[in-house]
Amino acid sequence: MDERPRLAHHARMAFYHSDSRSLQDRFDTRRLADRIEERLVSDTIDDGDREFIESVDMFFLATTDDEGRPNCSYKGGEPGFVRVLDERTLAFPSYDGNGMYVSLGNVLRNPHVGLLFIDFQRPRRMRLNGTASIAEDDPLLAEYPGAQLVVRVRATQVFPNCGRYIHRLELVERSRFVPRVECEPPVPDWKRSEWARDVLAA
């Protein structure tokens, strides 16, 4: 993992809290944790990060509500569905889901999010923490076929993670439900179920 530009002082001060520190001290990893923060944690997205982010076809999104209750969701699409707009900003589409809007509802209550990108074939992983926003009139919406909304994330912490525990997996097939240009995705079976079909949106 290459050395990265250092975080601004105010961002560095908030990276570890007292309970993280107590566990670091218990297992004698404070020096290592400080070195990782110093060398590998950044608040910008560099060219290598951009290449990795825009190559993935899935990531995990962590959100919390205003009471701190967590939620983690899987987000998938075609490679390039997550776009890096500049060194501090990325964007991704929100496609039709189960209609619960737990993740995006959380973003409207608490914009702090965590994104985990994983390449199961190389293997490699990267975390990006930041603040998310949703605009009804986002100009990128027209560039994502089938998207309902576009989420933008302003990065505050970007850092690689060791990939040694990532299980090596091979891609068999990308989901046929991902919206594509001039291709209407099929209706999932659960939407045809008796319990759901009478309450679907028009």
N, C-alpha and C. Protein backbone atom coordinates (compact mmCIF):
# COMPACT_ATOMS: atom_id res chain seq x y z
N MET A 1 0.85 -1.18 0.00
CA MET A 1 0.00 0.00 0.00
C MET A 1 0.89 1.24 0.00
N ASP A 2 0.70 2.09 -0.98
CA ASP A 2 1.57 3.24 -1.13
C ASP A 2 1.22 4.33 -0.12
N GLU A 3 2.24 5.15 0.16
CA GLU A 3 2.03 6.29 1.04
C GLU A 3 1.14 7.30 0.33
N ARG A 4 0.28 7.95 1.10
CA ARG A 4 -0.68 8.89 0.54
C ARG A 4 -0.51 10.25 1.18
N PRO A 5 -1.08 11.32 0.57
CA PRO A 5 -1.01 12.64 1.18
C PRO A 5 -1.64 12.62 2.57
N ARG A 6 -1.08 13.36 3.49
CA ARG A 6 -1.58 13.35 4.87
C ARG A 6 -2.87 14.12 4.99
N LEU A 7 -3.71 13.66 5.91
CA LEU A 7 -4.95 14.38 6.21
C LEU A 7 -4.64 15.72 6.85
N ALA A 8 -5.56 16.65 6.65
CA ALA A 8 -5.47 17.90 7.39
C ALA A 8 -5.55 17.62 8.89
N HIS A 9 -4.94 18.49 9.69
CA HIS A 9 -4.83 18.23 11.13
C HIS A 9 -6.18 18.01 11.79
N HIS A 10 -7.20 18.80 11.41
CA HIS A 10 -8.50 18.66 12.07
C HIS A 10 -9.13 17.32 11.76
N ALA A 11 -8.89 16.79 10.53
CA ALA A 11 -9.45 15.49 10.19
C ALA A 11 -8.71 14.37 10.91
N ARG A 12 -7.39 14.53 11.08
CA ARG A 12 -6.59 13.51 11.73
C ARG A 12 -6.97 13.37 13.20
N MET A 13 -7.30 14.48 13.84
CA MET A 13 -7.60 14.44 15.27
C MET A 13 -8.85 13.60 15.55
N ALA A 14 -9.76 13.48 14.58
CA ALA A 14 -11.02 12.80 14.81
C ALA A 14 -10.99 11.35 14.35
N PHE A 15 -9.87 10.87 13.83
CA PHE A 15 -9.85 9.55 13.22
C PHE A 15 -10.04 8.44 14.24
N TYR A 16 -9.39 8.52 15.39
CA TYR A 16 -9.54 7.50 16.44
C TYR A 16 -10.21 8.13 17.65
N HIS A 17 -11.10 7.38 18.30
CA HIS A 17 -11.68 7.85 19.55
C HIS A 17 -11.09 7.04 20.71
N SER A 18 -11.53 7.35 21.91
CA SER A 18 -10.89 6.78 23.10
C SER A 18 -11.03 5.25 23.17
N ASP A 19 -12.15 4.72 22.70
CA ASP A 19 -12.31 3.26 22.74
C ASP A 19 -11.43 2.57 21.71
N SER A 20 -11.24 3.18 20.54
CA SER A 20 -10.27 2.64 19.59
C SER A 20 -8.89 2.64 20.22
N ARG A 21 -8.56 3.74 20.89
CA ARG A 21 -7.25 3.86 21.52
C ARG A 21 -7.06 2.80 22.62
N SER A 22 -8.11 2.53 23.37
CA SER A 22 -7.96 1.55 24.45
C SER A 22 -7.68 0.16 23.90
N LEU A 23 -8.32 -0.18 22.78
CA LEU A 23 -8.05 -1.48 22.15
C LEU A 23 -6.67 -1.51 21.51
N GLN A 24 -6.27 -0.40 20.92
CA GLN A 24 -4.91 -0.32 20.37
C GLN A 24 -3.87 -0.54 21.47
N ASP A 25 -4.12 0.07 22.62
CA ASP A 25 -3.17 -0.08 23.73
C ASP A 25 -3.19 -1.50 24.28
N ARG A 26 -4.38 -2.11 24.32
CA ARG A 26 -4.49 -3.47 24.84
C ARG A 26 -3.68 -4.45 23.98
N PHE A 27 -3.70 -4.26 22.66
CA PHE A 27 -3.02 -5.17 21.75
C PHE A 27 -1.74 -4.58 21.17
N ASP A 28 -1.29 -3.47 21.76
CA ASP A 28 -0.02 -2.83 21.39
C ASP A 28 0.04 -2.50 19.89
N THR A 29 -1.03 -1.87 19.39
CA THR A 29 -1.03 -1.48 17.98
C THR A 29 -1.15 0.04 17.78
N ARG A 30 -1.01 0.82 18.86
CA ARG A 30 -1.16 2.28 18.72
C ARG A 30 -0.14 2.84 17.74
N ARG A 31 1.09 2.37 17.83
CA ARG A 31 2.13 2.90 16.94
C ARG A 31 1.81 2.56 15.48
N LEU A 32 1.35 1.33 15.26
CA LEU A 32 0.98 0.93 13.91
C LEU A 32 -0.21 1.73 13.41
N ALA A 33 -1.23 1.91 14.26
CA ALA A 33 -2.41 2.68 13.88
C ALA A 33 -2.04 4.11 13.51
N ASP A 34 -1.15 4.70 14.29
CA ASP A 34 -0.72 6.07 13.99
C ASP A 34 0.05 6.13 12.67
N ARG A 35 0.87 5.11 12.41
CA ARG A 35 1.62 5.09 11.16
C ARG A 35 0.69 4.94 9.96
N ILE A 36 -0.31 4.07 10.09
CA ILE A 36 -1.28 3.89 9.00
C ILE A 36 -2.03 5.19 8.74
N GLU A 37 -2.46 5.84 9.83
CA GLU A 37 -3.15 7.12 9.66
C GLU A 37 -2.26 8.14 8.99
N GLU A 38 -1.02 8.18 9.40
CA GLU A 38 -0.07 9.16 8.87
C GLU A 38 0.25 8.91 7.40
N ARG A 39 0.45 7.64 7.03
CA ARG A 39 0.95 7.31 5.70
C ARG A 39 -0.13 6.97 4.68
N LEU A 40 -1.25 6.41 5.13
CA LEU A 40 -2.20 5.83 4.18
C LEU A 40 -3.57 6.50 4.12
N VAL A 41 -3.92 7.28 5.14
CA VAL A 41 -5.25 7.90 5.17
C VAL A 41 -5.19 9.28 4.54
N SER A 42 -6.11 9.54 3.63
CA SER A 42 -6.16 10.83 2.94
C SER A 42 -7.59 11.34 2.95
N ASP A 43 -7.77 12.59 2.60
CA ASP A 43 -9.12 13.12 2.44
C ASP A 43 -9.40 13.43 0.97
N THR A 44 -8.56 12.89 0.09
CA THR A 44 -8.77 13.08 -1.34
C THR A 44 -8.72 11.74 -2.07
N ILE A 45 -9.29 11.72 -3.25
CA ILE A 45 -9.32 10.54 -4.11
C ILE A 45 -8.25 10.72 -5.17
N ASP A 46 -7.21 9.90 -5.13
CA ASP A 46 -6.13 10.07 -6.11
C ASP A 46 -6.42 9.26 -7.38
N ASP A 47 -5.49 9.30 -8.32
CA ASP A 47 -5.73 8.65 -9.61
C ASP A 47 -5.89 7.14 -9.47
N GLY A 48 -5.12 6.53 -8.57
CA GLY A 48 -5.25 5.10 -8.34
C GLY A 48 -6.59 4.74 -7.74
N ASP A 49 -7.06 5.58 -6.80
CA ASP A 49 -8.38 5.37 -6.21
C ASP A 49 -9.47 5.47 -7.27
N ARG A 50 -9.35 6.50 -8.12
CA ARG A 50 -10.34 6.69 -9.18
C ARG A 50 -10.43 5.47 -10.09
N GLU A 51 -9.27 4.96 -10.50
CA GLU A 51 -9.25 3.80 -11.37
C GLU A 51 -9.93 2.61 -10.72
N PHE A 52 -9.64 2.41 -9.43
CA PHE A 52 -10.24 1.29 -8.71
C PHE A 52 -11.74 1.47 -8.55
N ILE A 53 -12.17 2.63 -8.07
CA ILE A 53 -13.58 2.90 -7.83
C ILE A 53 -14.39 2.74 -9.11
N GLU A 54 -13.90 3.28 -10.20
CA GLU A 54 -14.66 3.25 -11.45
C GLU A 54 -14.59 1.90 -12.16
N SER A 55 -13.79 0.96 -11.62
CA SER A 55 -13.72 -0.38 -12.21
C SER A 55 -14.66 -1.37 -11.54
N VAL A 56 -15.16 -1.03 -10.34
CA VAL A 56 -15.95 -2.00 -9.59
C VAL A 56 -17.40 -2.04 -10.08
N ASP A 57 -18.05 -3.18 -9.85
CA ASP A 57 -19.46 -3.31 -10.20
C ASP A 57 -20.34 -3.46 -8.97
N MET A 58 -19.76 -3.26 -7.77
CA MET A 58 -20.53 -3.31 -6.54
C MET A 58 -19.74 -2.66 -5.41
N PHE A 59 -20.48 -2.25 -4.37
CA PHE A 59 -19.85 -1.79 -3.13
C PHE A 59 -20.88 -1.92 -2.02
N PHE A 60 -20.42 -1.75 -0.79
CA PHE A 60 -21.31 -1.78 0.37
C PHE A 60 -21.41 -0.36 0.93
N LEU A 61 -22.63 0.04 1.27
CA LEU A 61 -22.90 1.38 1.79
C LEU A 61 -23.40 1.28 3.22
N ALA A 62 -22.70 1.93 4.14
CA ALA A 62 -23.11 1.97 5.54
C ALA A 62 -23.68 3.34 5.87
N THR A 63 -24.85 3.33 6.51
CA THR A 63 -25.49 4.56 6.95
C THR A 63 -26.00 4.38 8.36
N THR A 64 -26.35 5.48 9.00
CA THR A 64 -27.02 5.41 10.30
C THR A 64 -28.13 6.44 10.33
N ASP A 65 -29.14 6.18 11.16
CA ASP A 65 -30.19 7.17 11.31
C ASP A 65 -29.76 8.22 12.34
N ASP A 66 -30.67 9.11 12.69
CA ASP A 66 -30.29 10.19 13.60
C ASP A 66 -30.12 9.72 15.04
N GLU A 67 -30.44 8.46 15.32
CA GLU A 67 -30.20 7.89 16.64
C GLU A 67 -29.00 6.95 16.65
N GLY A 68 -28.29 6.89 15.54
CA GLY A 68 -27.09 6.08 15.47
C GLY A 68 -27.31 4.61 15.14
N ARG A 69 -28.54 4.24 14.79
CA ARG A 69 -28.83 2.85 14.43
C ARG A 69 -28.30 2.58 13.03
N PRO A 70 -27.47 1.54 12.84
CA PRO A 70 -26.79 1.34 11.56
C PRO A 70 -27.61 0.56 10.55
N ASN A 71 -27.22 0.72 9.30
CA ASN A 71 -27.76 -0.08 8.21
C ASN A 71 -26.66 -0.24 7.18
N CYS A 72 -26.55 -1.43 6.62
CA CYS A 72 -25.56 -1.67 5.58
C CYS A 72 -26.27 -2.27 4.37
N SER A 73 -26.00 -1.73 3.19
CA SER A 73 -26.67 -2.23 1.99
C SER A 73 -25.67 -2.46 0.88
N TYR A 74 -26.04 -3.37 -0.01
CA TYR A 74 -25.26 -3.70 -1.19
C TYR A 74 -25.74 -2.82 -2.34
N LYS A 75 -24.79 -2.26 -3.08
CA LYS A 75 -25.13 -1.47 -4.27
C LYS A 75 -24.38 -2.06 -5.46
N GLY A 76 -25.12 -2.42 -6.49
CA GLY A 76 -24.51 -3.04 -7.66
C GLY A 76 -24.91 -2.35 -8.94
N GLY A 77 -24.07 -2.49 -9.97
CA GLY A 77 -24.35 -1.90 -11.27
C GLY A 77 -23.31 -2.37 -12.27
N GLU A 78 -23.30 -1.74 -13.41
CA GLU A 78 -22.27 -2.01 -14.40
C GLU A 78 -20.97 -1.33 -13.97
N PRO A 79 -19.81 -1.88 -14.34
CA PRO A 79 -18.55 -1.18 -14.03
C PRO A 79 -18.62 0.27 -14.51
N GLY A 80 -18.23 1.19 -13.65
CA GLY A 80 -18.33 2.61 -13.97
C GLY A 80 -19.57 3.28 -13.42
N PHE A 81 -20.45 2.49 -12.76
CA PHE A 81 -21.67 3.12 -12.23
C PHE A 81 -21.36 4.06 -11.07
N VAL A 82 -20.23 3.85 -10.40
CA VAL A 82 -19.75 4.84 -9.44
C VAL A 82 -18.74 5.72 -10.17
N ARG A 83 -18.98 7.00 -10.16
CA ARG A 83 -18.12 7.94 -10.89
C ARG A 83 -17.40 8.85 -9.92
N VAL A 84 -16.12 9.07 -10.18
CA VAL A 84 -15.36 10.05 -9.42
C VAL A 84 -15.44 11.37 -10.18
N LEU A 85 -16.02 12.37 -9.54
CA LEU A 85 -16.26 13.65 -10.21
C LEU A 85 -15.10 14.61 -10.04
N ASP A 86 -14.43 14.53 -8.91
CA ASP A 86 -13.21 15.31 -8.66
C ASP A 86 -12.50 14.64 -7.51
N GLU A 87 -11.43 15.23 -7.02
CA GLU A 87 -10.59 14.57 -6.01
C GLU A 87 -11.28 14.39 -4.66
N ARG A 88 -12.43 15.00 -4.49
CA ARG A 88 -13.15 14.87 -3.22
C ARG A 88 -14.58 14.36 -3.37
N THR A 89 -15.04 14.09 -4.58
CA THR A 89 -16.45 13.80 -4.79
C THR A 89 -16.65 12.60 -5.70
N LEU A 90 -17.55 11.72 -5.30
CA LEU A 90 -17.99 10.65 -6.19
C LEU A 90 -19.51 10.63 -6.22
N ALA A 91 -20.05 9.93 -7.20
CA ALA A 91 -21.51 9.85 -7.34
C ALA A 91 -21.89 8.45 -7.77
N PHE A 92 -23.09 8.02 -7.35
CA PHE A 92 -23.62 6.73 -7.78
C PHE A 92 -25.14 6.83 -7.88
N PRO A 93 -25.75 5.99 -8.73
CA PRO A 93 -27.20 6.03 -8.90
C PRO A 93 -27.92 5.20 -7.85
N SER A 94 -29.15 5.56 -7.58
CA SER A 94 -30.04 4.73 -6.78
C SER A 94 -31.10 4.18 -7.71
N TYR A 95 -31.08 2.86 -7.90
CA TYR A 95 -32.04 2.20 -8.77
C TYR A 95 -33.27 1.76 -7.97
N ASP A 96 -34.29 1.33 -8.70
CA ASP A 96 -35.48 0.76 -8.08
C ASP A 96 -35.09 -0.40 -7.18
N GLY A 97 -35.60 -0.39 -5.96
CA GLY A 97 -35.28 -1.46 -5.01
C GLY A 97 -36.55 -2.05 -4.42
N ASN A 98 -36.54 -2.23 -3.11
CA ASN A 98 -37.72 -2.80 -2.46
C ASN A 98 -38.67 -1.74 -1.92
N GLY A 99 -38.37 -0.48 -2.20
CA GLY A 99 -39.27 0.60 -1.80
C GLY A 99 -39.16 1.03 -0.36
N MET A 100 -38.22 0.45 0.40
CA MET A 100 -38.08 0.82 1.81
C MET A 100 -37.31 2.12 1.99
N TYR A 101 -36.34 2.40 1.14
CA TYR A 101 -35.52 3.61 1.18
C TYR A 101 -34.87 3.81 2.55
N VAL A 102 -34.38 2.71 3.11
CA VAL A 102 -33.72 2.81 4.42
C VAL A 102 -32.41 3.57 4.30
N SER A 103 -31.56 3.20 3.35
CA SER A 103 -30.26 3.86 3.21
C SER A 103 -30.41 5.33 2.85
N LEU A 104 -31.21 5.62 1.83
CA LEU A 104 -31.35 7.01 1.41
C LEU A 104 -32.12 7.83 2.43
N GLY A 105 -33.07 7.20 3.11
CA GLY A 105 -33.74 7.90 4.20
C GLY A 105 -32.76 8.26 5.30
N ASN A 106 -31.85 7.33 5.60
CA ASN A 106 -30.82 7.63 6.59
C ASN A 106 -29.94 8.80 6.15
N VAL A 107 -29.59 8.82 4.86
CA VAL A 107 -28.76 9.91 4.35
C VAL A 107 -29.43 11.26 4.58
N LEU A 108 -30.74 11.31 4.41
CA LEU A 108 -31.46 12.57 4.62
C LEU A 108 -31.48 12.97 6.10
N ARG A 109 -31.38 11.99 7.00
CA ARG A 109 -31.35 12.28 8.43
C ARG A 109 -29.93 12.52 8.94
N ASN A 110 -29.00 11.71 8.43
CA ASN A 110 -27.61 11.76 8.89
C ASN A 110 -26.72 11.53 7.67
N PRO A 111 -26.08 12.57 7.14
CA PRO A 111 -25.36 12.44 5.87
C PRO A 111 -24.04 11.68 5.95
N HIS A 112 -23.59 11.31 7.14
CA HIS A 112 -22.31 10.61 7.28
C HIS A 112 -22.44 9.17 6.81
N VAL A 113 -21.61 8.78 5.85
CA VAL A 113 -21.70 7.45 5.26
C VAL A 113 -20.31 6.81 5.17
N GLY A 114 -20.32 5.49 5.03
CA GLY A 114 -19.09 4.75 4.78
C GLY A 114 -19.29 3.84 3.59
N LEU A 115 -18.34 3.84 2.66
CA LEU A 115 -18.41 3.00 1.47
C LEU A 115 -17.23 2.02 1.51
N LEU A 116 -17.51 0.76 1.23
CA LEU A 116 -16.48 -0.27 1.18
C LEU A 116 -16.47 -0.87 -0.22
N PHE A 117 -15.36 -0.68 -0.92
CA PHE A 117 -15.17 -1.21 -2.26
C PHE A 117 -14.29 -2.45 -2.18
N ILE A 118 -14.69 -3.54 -2.83
CA ILE A 118 -13.94 -4.79 -2.79
C ILE A 118 -13.79 -5.35 -4.19
N ASP A 119 -12.57 -5.74 -4.52
CA ASP A 119 -12.31 -6.53 -5.72
C ASP A 119 -11.99 -7.94 -5.24
N PHE A 120 -12.89 -8.88 -5.52
CA PHE A 120 -12.73 -10.24 -5.02
C PHE A 120 -11.80 -11.08 -5.89
N GLN A 121 -11.36 -10.54 -7.01
CA GLN A 121 -10.52 -11.32 -7.89
C GLN A 121 -9.04 -11.01 -7.72
N ARG A 122 -8.69 -9.76 -7.31
CA ARG A 122 -7.26 -9.45 -7.25
C ARG A 122 -6.51 -9.92 -6.03
N PRO A 123 -6.90 -9.85 -4.80
CA PRO A 123 -8.02 -9.13 -4.14
C PRO A 123 -7.54 -7.76 -3.64
N ARG A 124 -8.51 -6.87 -3.43
CA ARG A 124 -8.20 -5.50 -2.99
C ARG A 124 -9.44 -4.91 -2.37
N ARG A 125 -9.25 -4.03 -1.40
CA ARG A 125 -10.39 -3.32 -0.83
C ARG A 125 -9.98 -1.92 -0.41
N MET A 126 -10.96 -1.02 -0.37
CA MET A 126 -10.72 0.37 -0.02
C MET A 126 -11.95 0.93 0.68
N ARG A 127 -11.71 1.75 1.67
CA ARG A 127 -12.81 2.42 2.37
C ARG A 127 -12.82 3.90 2.00
N LEU A 128 -14.02 4.44 1.91
CA LEU A 128 -14.18 5.87 1.72
C LEU A 128 -15.30 6.33 2.64
N ASN A 129 -14.98 7.21 3.56
CA ASN A 129 -15.97 7.81 4.45
C ASN A 129 -16.21 9.25 4.01
N GLY A 130 -17.44 9.71 4.20
CA GLY A 130 -17.72 11.08 3.80
C GLY A 130 -19.13 11.49 4.14
N THR A 131 -19.56 12.57 3.52
CA THR A 131 -20.91 13.08 3.73
C THR A 131 -21.66 13.01 2.40
N ALA A 132 -22.88 12.49 2.47
CA ALA A 132 -23.66 12.25 1.26
C ALA A 132 -24.75 13.30 1.11
N SER A 133 -25.14 13.52 -0.14
CA SER A 133 -26.25 14.44 -0.43
C SER A 133 -27.05 13.90 -1.61
N ILE A 134 -28.32 14.26 -1.64
CA ILE A 134 -29.22 13.83 -2.71
C ILE A 134 -29.96 15.06 -3.22
N ALA A 135 -29.92 15.27 -4.54
CA ALA A 135 -30.63 16.40 -5.14
C ALA A 135 -31.61 15.86 -6.16
N GLU A 136 -32.85 16.31 -6.08
CA GLU A 136 -33.88 15.84 -7.01
C GLU A 136 -33.54 16.17 -8.46
N ASP A 137 -32.84 17.29 -8.67
CA ASP A 137 -32.55 17.75 -10.03
C ASP A 137 -31.08 17.55 -10.40
N ASP A 138 -30.43 16.54 -9.83
CA ASP A 138 -29.01 16.31 -10.14
C ASP A 138 -28.84 16.11 -11.65
N PRO A 139 -27.96 16.87 -12.29
CA PRO A 139 -27.79 16.75 -13.75
C PRO A 139 -27.27 15.38 -14.19
N LEU A 140 -26.67 14.62 -13.29
CA LEU A 140 -26.18 13.29 -13.64
C LEU A 140 -27.31 12.28 -13.80
N LEU A 141 -28.49 12.59 -13.30
CA LEU A 141 -29.60 11.65 -13.34
C LEU A 141 -29.89 11.18 -14.76
N ALA A 142 -29.79 12.09 -15.71
CA ALA A 142 -30.08 11.75 -17.11
C ALA A 142 -29.03 10.81 -17.70
N GLU A 143 -27.88 10.70 -17.06
CA GLU A 143 -26.80 9.85 -17.58
C GLU A 143 -26.85 8.44 -17.01
N TYR A 144 -27.78 8.17 -16.10
CA TYR A 144 -27.93 6.85 -15.51
C TYR A 144 -29.29 6.26 -15.90
N PRO A 145 -29.35 5.43 -16.92
CA PRO A 145 -30.65 4.83 -17.30
C PRO A 145 -31.27 4.07 -16.13
N GLY A 146 -32.53 4.32 -15.87
CA GLY A 146 -33.25 3.60 -14.83
C GLY A 146 -33.03 4.10 -13.42
N ALA A 147 -32.22 5.13 -13.25
CA ALA A 147 -31.96 5.63 -11.89
C ALA A 147 -33.11 6.50 -11.41
N GLN A 148 -33.42 6.38 -10.13
CA GLN A 148 -34.44 7.23 -9.52
C GLN A 148 -33.81 8.49 -8.94
N LEU A 149 -32.63 8.34 -8.36
CA LEU A 149 -31.91 9.44 -7.73
C LEU A 149 -30.41 9.23 -7.93
N VAL A 150 -29.65 10.30 -7.71
CA VAL A 150 -28.19 10.22 -7.71
C VAL A 150 -27.70 10.67 -6.34
N VAL A 151 -26.80 9.89 -5.77
CA VAL A 151 -26.20 10.23 -4.49
C VAL A 151 -24.78 10.71 -4.74
N ARG A 152 -24.44 11.84 -4.17
CA ARG A 152 -23.06 12.34 -4.23
C ARG A 152 -22.45 12.23 -2.83
N VAL A 153 -21.18 11.84 -2.80
CA VAL A 153 -20.48 11.71 -1.53
C VAL A 153 -19.23 12.56 -1.56
N ARG A 154 -19.10 13.42 -0.57
CA ARG A 154 -17.91 14.25 -0.39
C ARG A 154 -16.98 13.51 0.56
N ALA A 155 -15.81 13.14 0.08
CA ALA A 155 -14.89 12.32 0.85
C ALA A 155 -14.25 13.09 2.00
N THR A 156 -14.15 12.43 3.15
CA THR A 156 -13.41 12.97 4.29
C THR A 156 -12.24 12.07 4.67
N GLN A 157 -12.39 10.78 4.42
CA GLN A 157 -11.32 9.81 4.72
C GLN A 157 -11.32 8.74 3.63
N VAL A 158 -10.17 8.55 3.02
CA VAL A 158 -10.01 7.54 1.97
C VAL A 158 -8.77 6.73 2.33
N PHE A 159 -8.93 5.40 2.42
CA PHE A 159 -7.77 4.61 2.79
C PHE A 159 -7.94 3.15 2.36
N PRO A 160 -6.83 2.51 1.98
CA PRO A 160 -6.87 1.10 1.62
C PRO A 160 -6.92 0.23 2.86
N ASN A 161 -7.40 -0.99 2.68
CA ASN A 161 -7.37 -2.01 3.72
C ASN A 161 -6.59 -3.20 3.21
N CYS A 162 -5.92 -3.89 4.11
CA CYS A 162 -5.23 -5.12 3.75
C CYS A 162 -6.24 -6.12 3.19
N GLY A 163 -5.88 -6.76 2.08
CA GLY A 163 -6.82 -7.66 1.42
C GLY A 163 -6.61 -9.13 1.73
N ARG A 164 -5.82 -9.45 2.77
CA ARG A 164 -5.45 -10.85 2.95
C ARG A 164 -6.60 -11.76 3.36
N TYR A 165 -7.67 -11.22 3.92
CA TYR A 165 -8.80 -12.06 4.32
C TYR A 165 -9.92 -12.08 3.29
N ILE A 166 -9.70 -11.45 2.15
CA ILE A 166 -10.73 -11.45 1.11
C ILE A 166 -10.69 -12.79 0.38
N HIS A 167 -11.81 -13.46 0.33
CA HIS A 167 -11.90 -14.73 -0.38
C HIS A 167 -11.87 -14.45 -1.89
N ARG A 168 -11.08 -15.20 -2.61
CA ARG A 168 -10.98 -14.99 -4.05
C ARG A 168 -12.20 -15.61 -4.74
N LEU A 169 -12.97 -14.77 -5.42
CA LEU A 169 -14.18 -15.20 -6.11
C LEU A 169 -14.09 -14.82 -7.57
N GLU A 170 -14.75 -15.57 -8.42
CA GLU A 170 -14.79 -15.27 -9.84
C GLU A 170 -16.20 -14.82 -10.23
N LEU A 171 -16.27 -13.83 -11.10
CA LEU A 171 -17.56 -13.35 -11.59
C LEU A 171 -18.15 -14.39 -12.53
N VAL A 172 -19.37 -14.80 -12.24
CA VAL A 172 -20.08 -15.75 -13.10
C VAL A 172 -20.96 -14.99 -14.09
N GLU A 173 -21.74 -14.07 -13.57
CA GLU A 173 -22.66 -13.31 -14.43
C GLU A 173 -23.10 -12.06 -13.69
N ARG A 174 -23.15 -10.94 -14.40
CA ARG A 174 -23.68 -9.72 -13.80
C ARG A 174 -25.21 -9.77 -13.84
N SER A 175 -25.80 -9.11 -12.88
CA SER A 175 -27.25 -9.16 -12.75
C SER A 175 -27.96 -8.64 -14.00
N ARG A 176 -28.95 -9.38 -14.45
CA ARG A 176 -29.75 -8.95 -15.60
C ARG A 176 -30.75 -7.87 -15.22
N PHE A 177 -30.85 -7.58 -13.93
CA PHE A 177 -31.79 -6.56 -13.47
C PHE A 177 -31.20 -5.15 -13.45
N VAL A 178 -29.87 -5.04 -13.64
CA VAL A 178 -29.24 -3.72 -13.65
C VAL A 178 -29.72 -2.95 -14.88
N PRO A 179 -30.24 -1.74 -14.71
CA PRO A 179 -30.70 -0.96 -15.87
C PRO A 179 -29.57 -0.68 -16.86
N ARG A 180 -29.89 -0.78 -18.14
CA ARG A 180 -28.94 -0.52 -19.21
C ARG A 180 -29.62 0.31 -20.29
N VAL A 181 -28.84 0.98 -21.10
CA VAL A 181 -29.39 1.80 -22.18
C VAL A 181 -30.18 0.92 -23.13
N GLU A 182 -31.39 1.36 -23.45
CA GLU A 182 -32.27 0.69 -24.41
C GLU A 182 -32.52 -0.78 -24.06
N CYS A 183 -32.59 -1.05 -22.77
CA CYS A 183 -32.86 -2.42 -22.33
C CYS A 183 -33.69 -2.35 -21.06
N GLU A 184 -34.94 -2.75 -21.15
CA GLU A 184 -35.83 -2.71 -19.99
C GLU A 184 -35.55 -3.93 -19.12
N PRO A 185 -35.15 -3.73 -17.87
CA PRO A 185 -34.86 -4.90 -17.02
C PRO A 185 -36.14 -5.66 -16.69
N PRO A 186 -36.05 -6.97 -16.47
CA PRO A 186 -37.24 -7.76 -16.14
C PRO A 186 -37.77 -7.42 -14.75
N VAL A 187 -39.01 -7.76 -14.52
CA VAL A 187 -39.62 -7.57 -13.20
C VAL A 187 -39.19 -8.73 -12.30
N PRO A 188 -38.67 -8.44 -11.10
CA PRO A 188 -38.26 -9.54 -10.22
C PRO A 188 -39.46 -10.36 -9.76
N ASP A 189 -39.22 -11.63 -9.50
CA ASP A 189 -40.30 -12.54 -9.12
C ASP A 189 -41.06 -12.08 -7.88
N TRP A 190 -40.33 -11.48 -6.91
CA TRP A 190 -41.01 -11.11 -5.67
C TRP A 190 -42.08 -10.05 -5.89
N LYS A 191 -41.90 -9.23 -6.94
CA LYS A 191 -42.92 -8.21 -7.22
C LYS A 191 -44.19 -8.82 -7.83
N ARG A 192 -44.09 -10.06 -8.29
CA ARG A 192 -45.26 -10.76 -8.82
C ARG A 192 -45.98 -11.56 -7.74
N SER A 193 -45.39 -11.61 -6.55
CA SER A 193 -45.97 -12.40 -5.47
C SER A 193 -47.28 -11.79 -4.98
N GLU A 194 -48.14 -12.63 -4.47
CA GLU A 194 -49.47 -12.17 -4.01
C GLU A 194 -49.35 -11.13 -2.92
N TRP A 195 -48.38 -11.29 -2.04
CA TRP A 195 -48.26 -10.35 -0.91
C TRP A 195 -47.80 -8.96 -1.34
N ALA A 196 -47.20 -8.84 -2.54
CA ALA A 196 -46.60 -7.55 -2.95
C ALA A 196 -47.32 -6.86 -4.10
N ARG A 197 -47.92 -7.61 -5.01
CA ARG A 197 -48.33 -7.01 -6.27
C ARG A 197 -49.43 -5.96 -6.13
N ASP A 198 -50.24 -6.04 -5.08
CA ASP A 198 -51.34 -5.08 -4.96
C ASP A 198 -50.90 -3.78 -4.27
N VAL A 199 -49.65 -3.72 -3.82
CA VAL A 199 -49.19 -2.51 -3.14
C VAL A 199 -48.01 -1.87 -3.88
N LEU A 200 -47.72 -2.33 -5.08
CA LEU A 200 -46.62 -1.76 -5.85
C LEU A 200 -46.97 -0.36 -6.32
N ALA A 201 -45.93 0.48 -6.47
CA ALA A 201 -46.14 1.81 -7.02
C ALA A 201 -46.64 1.70 -8.45
N ALA A 202 -47.45 2.66 -8.85
CA ALA A 202 -48.02 2.64 -10.19
C ALA A 202 -46.95 2.68 -11.26
